[in-house]
Amino acid sequence: MFDLASIMLGTFQGELVSVFGSSIGWFVGHAILLAALVAVVFGIRERDHVIKHSGLGRSQAIDFGFFLLLTLSLFYFYSTVCGFASGPSLVVGVVSALFLRWMVTILG
């Protein structure tokens, strides 16, 4: 069988297989992927309703998008270029992105 879940979920899929066995672990991993895909499709289809009733505007969504993009790029920089471990790279990336956002927003 084609095992897309092991590609997407990595070692978590291996743990699912070790806990549930080969067949049920394969099914559970692919069910997780299917549920995530359904949630993304539902969120995209109902985006107008979510945007209209969430209390968040376009500026907050753009701000969060830039924050997320900056965090991921800093995480990549710290983990690959600087050679930090994944956990500290993520923490330093988030803190750096928040600090840069504060400098741009408050200090102008």
Protein backbone atom coordinates (compact mmCIF):
# COMPACT_ATOMS: atom_id res chain seq x y z
CA MET A 1 0.00 0.00 0.00
CA PHE A 2 1.05 3.60 -0.57
CA ASP A 3 1.99 5.10 2.78
CA LEU A 4 1.46 8.85 2.52
CA ALA A 5 1.04 9.15 6.29
CA SER A 6 4.63 8.09 7.00
CA ILE A 7 5.87 10.78 4.61
CA MET A 8 3.71 13.51 6.15
CA LEU A 9 3.70 12.47 9.81
CA GLY A 10 7.25 11.10 10.00
CA THR A 11 8.17 9.32 13.21
CA PHE A 12 4.68 9.85 14.64
CA GLN A 13 3.36 7.42 12.01
CA GLY A 14 5.99 4.89 13.12
CA GLU A 15 4.76 5.25 16.67
CA LEU A 16 1.16 4.75 15.53
CA VAL A 17 2.17 1.56 13.74
CA SER A 18 4.06 0.30 16.78
CA VAL A 19 1.07 0.98 19.04
CA PHE A 20 -1.81 -0.19 16.83
CA GLY A 21 -0.11 -2.61 14.47
CA SER A 22 0.51 -2.32 10.77
CA SER A 23 -3.04 -2.18 9.38
CA ILE A 24 -4.76 -0.12 12.05
CA GLY A 25 -1.74 2.19 12.39
CA TRP A 26 -1.84 2.83 8.63
CA PHE A 27 -5.57 3.56 8.85
CA VAL A 28 -5.23 5.89 11.85
CA GLY A 29 -2.39 7.84 10.24
CA HIS A 30 -4.33 8.32 7.02
CA ALA A 31 -7.48 9.21 8.99
CA ILE A 32 -5.50 11.98 10.71
CA LEU A 33 -4.36 13.30 7.33
CA LEU A 34 -7.90 13.12 5.94
CA ALA A 35 -9.30 14.98 8.97
CA ALA A 36 -6.69 17.72 8.57
CA LEU A 37 -7.48 18.01 4.86
CA VAL A 38 -11.23 18.22 5.55
CA ALA A 39 -10.62 20.92 8.18
CA VAL A 40 -8.53 22.97 5.75
CA VAL A 41 -11.11 22.62 2.95
CA PHE A 42 -13.95 23.53 5.32
CA GLY A 43 -12.00 26.55 6.57
CA ILE A 44 -11.35 27.73 3.02
CA ARG A 45 -14.94 27.24 1.92
CA GLU A 46 -16.35 29.05 4.96
CA ARG A 47 -13.67 31.76 5.12
CA ASP A 48 -16.16 34.60 4.59
CA HIS A 49 -18.26 33.43 7.53
CA VAL A 50 -15.16 32.99 9.70
CA ILE A 51 -13.79 36.41 8.78
CA LYS A 52 -17.14 38.12 9.27
CA HIS A 53 -17.93 36.58 12.67
CA SER A 54 -14.51 36.06 14.25
CA GLY A 55 -13.96 39.63 15.39
CA LEU A 56 -10.64 39.76 13.60
CA GLY A 57 -10.12 41.99 10.63
CA ARG A 58 -7.94 41.88 7.57
CA SER A 59 -5.13 43.81 9.25
CA GLN A 60 -4.88 41.31 12.11
CA ALA A 61 -4.83 38.41 9.64
CA ILE A 62 -2.07 40.03 7.60
CA ASP A 63 -0.14 40.83 10.78
CA PHE A 64 -0.41 37.22 11.96
CA GLY A 65 0.61 35.94 8.52
CA PHE A 66 3.75 38.08 8.52
CA PHE A 67 4.51 37.04 12.10
CA LEU A 68 4.17 33.37 11.14
CA LEU A 69 6.30 33.79 8.01
CA LEU A 70 9.00 35.65 9.95
CA THR A 71 8.95 33.03 12.72
CA LEU A 72 9.36 30.17 10.24
CA SER A 73 12.16 31.92 8.39
CA LEU A 74 13.99 32.69 11.65
CA PHE A 75 13.48 29.10 12.79
CA TYR A 76 15.02 27.90 9.54
CA PHE A 77 17.93 30.31 9.95
CA TYR A 78 18.64 29.36 13.55
CA SER A 79 18.29 25.61 12.99
CA THR A 80 20.28 25.30 9.75
CA VAL A 81 22.73 28.19 9.61
CA CYS A 82 23.43 28.55 13.32
CA GLY A 83 23.07 24.82 14.09
CA PHE A 84 20.74 25.14 17.08
CA ALA A 85 18.45 22.29 18.06
CA SER A 86 14.80 22.48 16.96
CA GLY A 87 13.32 23.47 20.32
CA PRO A 88 15.62 26.41 21.05
CA SER A 89 15.45 27.49 17.40
CA LEU A 90 11.67 27.74 17.60
CA VAL A 91 11.76 29.65 20.89
CA VAL A 92 14.41 32.08 19.67
CA GLY A 93 12.53 32.49 16.37
CA VAL A 94 9.26 33.33 18.11
CA VAL A 95 10.90 35.74 20.54
CA SER A 96 12.87 37.42 17.74
CA ALA A 97 9.77 37.77 15.57
CA LEU A 98 7.79 39.26 18.47
CA PHE A 99 10.63 41.67 19.20
CA LEU A 100 10.87 42.75 15.56
CA ARG A 101 7.08 43.18 15.40
CA TRP A 102 7.19 45.31 18.54
CA MET A 103 9.98 47.46 17.11
CA VAL A 104 8.10 48.06 13.87
CA THR A 105 4.70 48.61 15.51
CA ILE A 106 5.66 50.69 18.54
CA LEU A 107 8.84 52.41 17.48
CA GLY A 108 7.69 52.89 13.90
